[in-house]
Amino acid sequence: MTLVRGDIGGYDFNRMVVLFSMMDGATVIPCAISAAAMDDLEHVSRTAADQRERQFVRLRDRIEQCASRKFLAGEFEGNPQALFCAASIFAHRSSRPDSKRNAAACPA
């Protein structure tokens, strides 16, 4: 099943990530992307913290496509299980014990 868009949780200043969610049917998949990854996607450096949510909205389609590809490929890491895209996008999925460990980057 393909993930579908969820909510934007906002910018976490301590972790320097934008939190968002995606849905796998009725299951909420908490996700995040680092500030550095978004800057890389936009080819800018050091976007102001108060602009991070706007930046996420501009890049949202690309970010979610990457997360969906990783999810469908079962490319999870860590404990709890996490999915990484460009080493900076992740979605926690502890109910997926058969996951693979693969940190290949998603093409942007």
Protein backbone atom coordinates (compact mmCIF):
# COMPACT_ATOMS: atom_id res chain seq x y z
CA MET A 1 0.00 0.00 0.00
CA THR A 2 1.24 3.50 -0.80
CA LEU A 3 1.55 5.98 2.01
CA VAL A 4 -0.73 9.00 1.84
CA ARG A 5 -0.34 12.50 3.21
CA GLY A 6 -0.89 13.12 6.89
CA ASP A 7 -0.33 16.20 9.04
CA ILE A 8 2.53 18.67 9.50
CA GLY A 9 3.70 18.59 13.11
CA GLY A 10 5.95 21.65 12.93
CA TYR A 11 9.63 22.39 13.28
CA ASP A 12 11.47 20.81 16.22
CA PHE A 13 14.20 23.33 17.11
CA ASN A 14 16.06 20.88 19.37
CA ARG A 15 16.35 18.15 16.74
CA MET A 16 16.44 20.53 13.74
CA VAL A 17 13.76 18.54 11.88
CA VAL A 18 10.30 19.20 10.51
CA LEU A 19 7.89 16.63 11.90
CA PHE A 20 5.11 15.30 9.70
CA SER A 21 3.03 12.17 9.35
CA MET A 22 1.94 9.88 6.59
CA MET A 23 -0.80 7.28 6.63
CA ASP A 24 -0.60 3.56 5.87
CA GLY A 25 -4.32 2.83 5.75
CA ALA A 26 -5.53 3.76 9.24
CA THR A 27 -2.00 3.64 10.73
CA VAL A 28 -0.27 6.96 11.36
CA ILE A 29 3.43 6.87 10.41
CA PRO A 30 5.35 9.62 12.28
CA CYS A 31 8.01 11.11 10.00
CA ALA A 32 10.62 13.86 9.96
CA ILE A 33 13.10 15.50 7.62
CA SER A 34 16.20 17.36 8.75
CA ALA A 35 16.74 21.02 8.06
CA ALA A 36 19.98 20.13 6.26
CA ALA A 37 18.19 17.71 3.92
CA MET A 38 15.64 20.34 2.96
CA ASP A 39 18.39 22.88 2.34
CA ASP A 40 20.12 20.32 0.12
CA LEU A 41 16.91 19.71 -1.84
CA GLU A 42 16.48 23.46 -2.43
CA HIS A 43 20.19 24.13 -3.02
CA VAL A 44 20.27 26.79 -0.29
CA SER A 45 22.21 27.11 2.93
CA ARG A 46 20.86 27.77 6.39
CA THR A 47 17.23 28.62 5.91
CA ALA A 48 15.97 30.54 8.95
CA ALA A 49 14.26 28.39 11.58
CA ASP A 50 11.04 30.41 11.32
CA GLN A 51 10.90 29.57 7.59
CA ARG A 52 11.27 25.77 7.95
CA GLU A 53 7.58 24.91 7.78
CA ARG A 54 7.13 27.02 4.63
CA GLN A 55 10.18 25.32 3.15
CA PHE A 56 8.68 21.90 3.97
CA VAL A 57 5.41 22.85 2.24
CA ARG A 58 7.34 23.84 -0.91
CA LEU A 59 9.20 20.50 -0.89
CA ARG A 60 6.43 18.32 0.52
CA ASP A 61 5.60 16.37 -2.65
CA ARG A 62 9.24 15.38 -3.19
CA ILE A 63 9.78 14.51 0.47
CA GLU A 64 6.65 12.35 0.63
CA GLN A 65 7.48 10.57 -2.64
CA CYS A 66 10.88 9.65 -1.26
CA ALA A 67 9.43 8.42 2.04
CA SER A 68 6.81 6.36 0.18
CA ARG A 69 9.44 4.71 -2.03
CA LYS A 70 11.50 3.76 1.00
CA PHE A 71 8.44 2.48 2.85
CA LEU A 72 7.33 0.32 -0.09
CA ALA A 73 10.87 -1.06 -0.46
CA GLY A 74 10.94 -1.95 3.25
CA GLU A 75 14.13 0.03 3.76
CA PHE A 76 14.04 0.52 7.52
CA GLU A 77 16.80 0.93 10.11
CA GLY A 78 17.25 1.40 13.80
CA ASN A 79 15.25 0.61 16.88
CA PRO A 80 12.45 1.52 16.72
CA GLN A 81 12.44 0.69 13.04
CA ALA A 82 12.99 3.81 10.94
CA LEU A 83 13.06 4.52 7.23
CA PHE A 84 15.77 6.84 5.90
CA CYS A 85 15.83 8.78 2.65
CA ALA A 86 18.87 10.87 1.73
CA ALA A 87 20.02 9.90 5.24
CA SER A 88 17.66 12.53 6.60
CA ILE A 89 14.03 11.48 6.10
CA PHE A 90 12.64 8.88 8.45
CA ALA A 91 9.35 7.27 9.42
CA HIS A 92 9.05 5.11 12.53
CA ARG A 93 7.48 1.74 11.92
CA SER A 94 7.92 -0.60 14.89
CA SER A 95 5.27 -3.03 13.59
CA ARG A 96 7.46 -4.05 10.65
CA PRO A 97 9.85 -6.74 12.04
CA ASP A 98 10.72 -8.12 8.59
CA SER A 99 12.32 -4.85 7.52
CA LYS A 100 15.62 -4.62 5.66
CA ARG A 101 18.59 -2.51 6.69
CA ASN A 102 19.35 -0.27 3.74
CA ALA A 103 20.16 3.44 3.84
CA ALA A 104 20.27 4.05 0.10
CA ALA A 105 19.36 7.63 -0.77
CA CYS A 106 16.18 8.51 -2.63
CA PRO A 107 16.77 10.39 -5.85
CA ALA A 108 15.46 13.92 -5.51
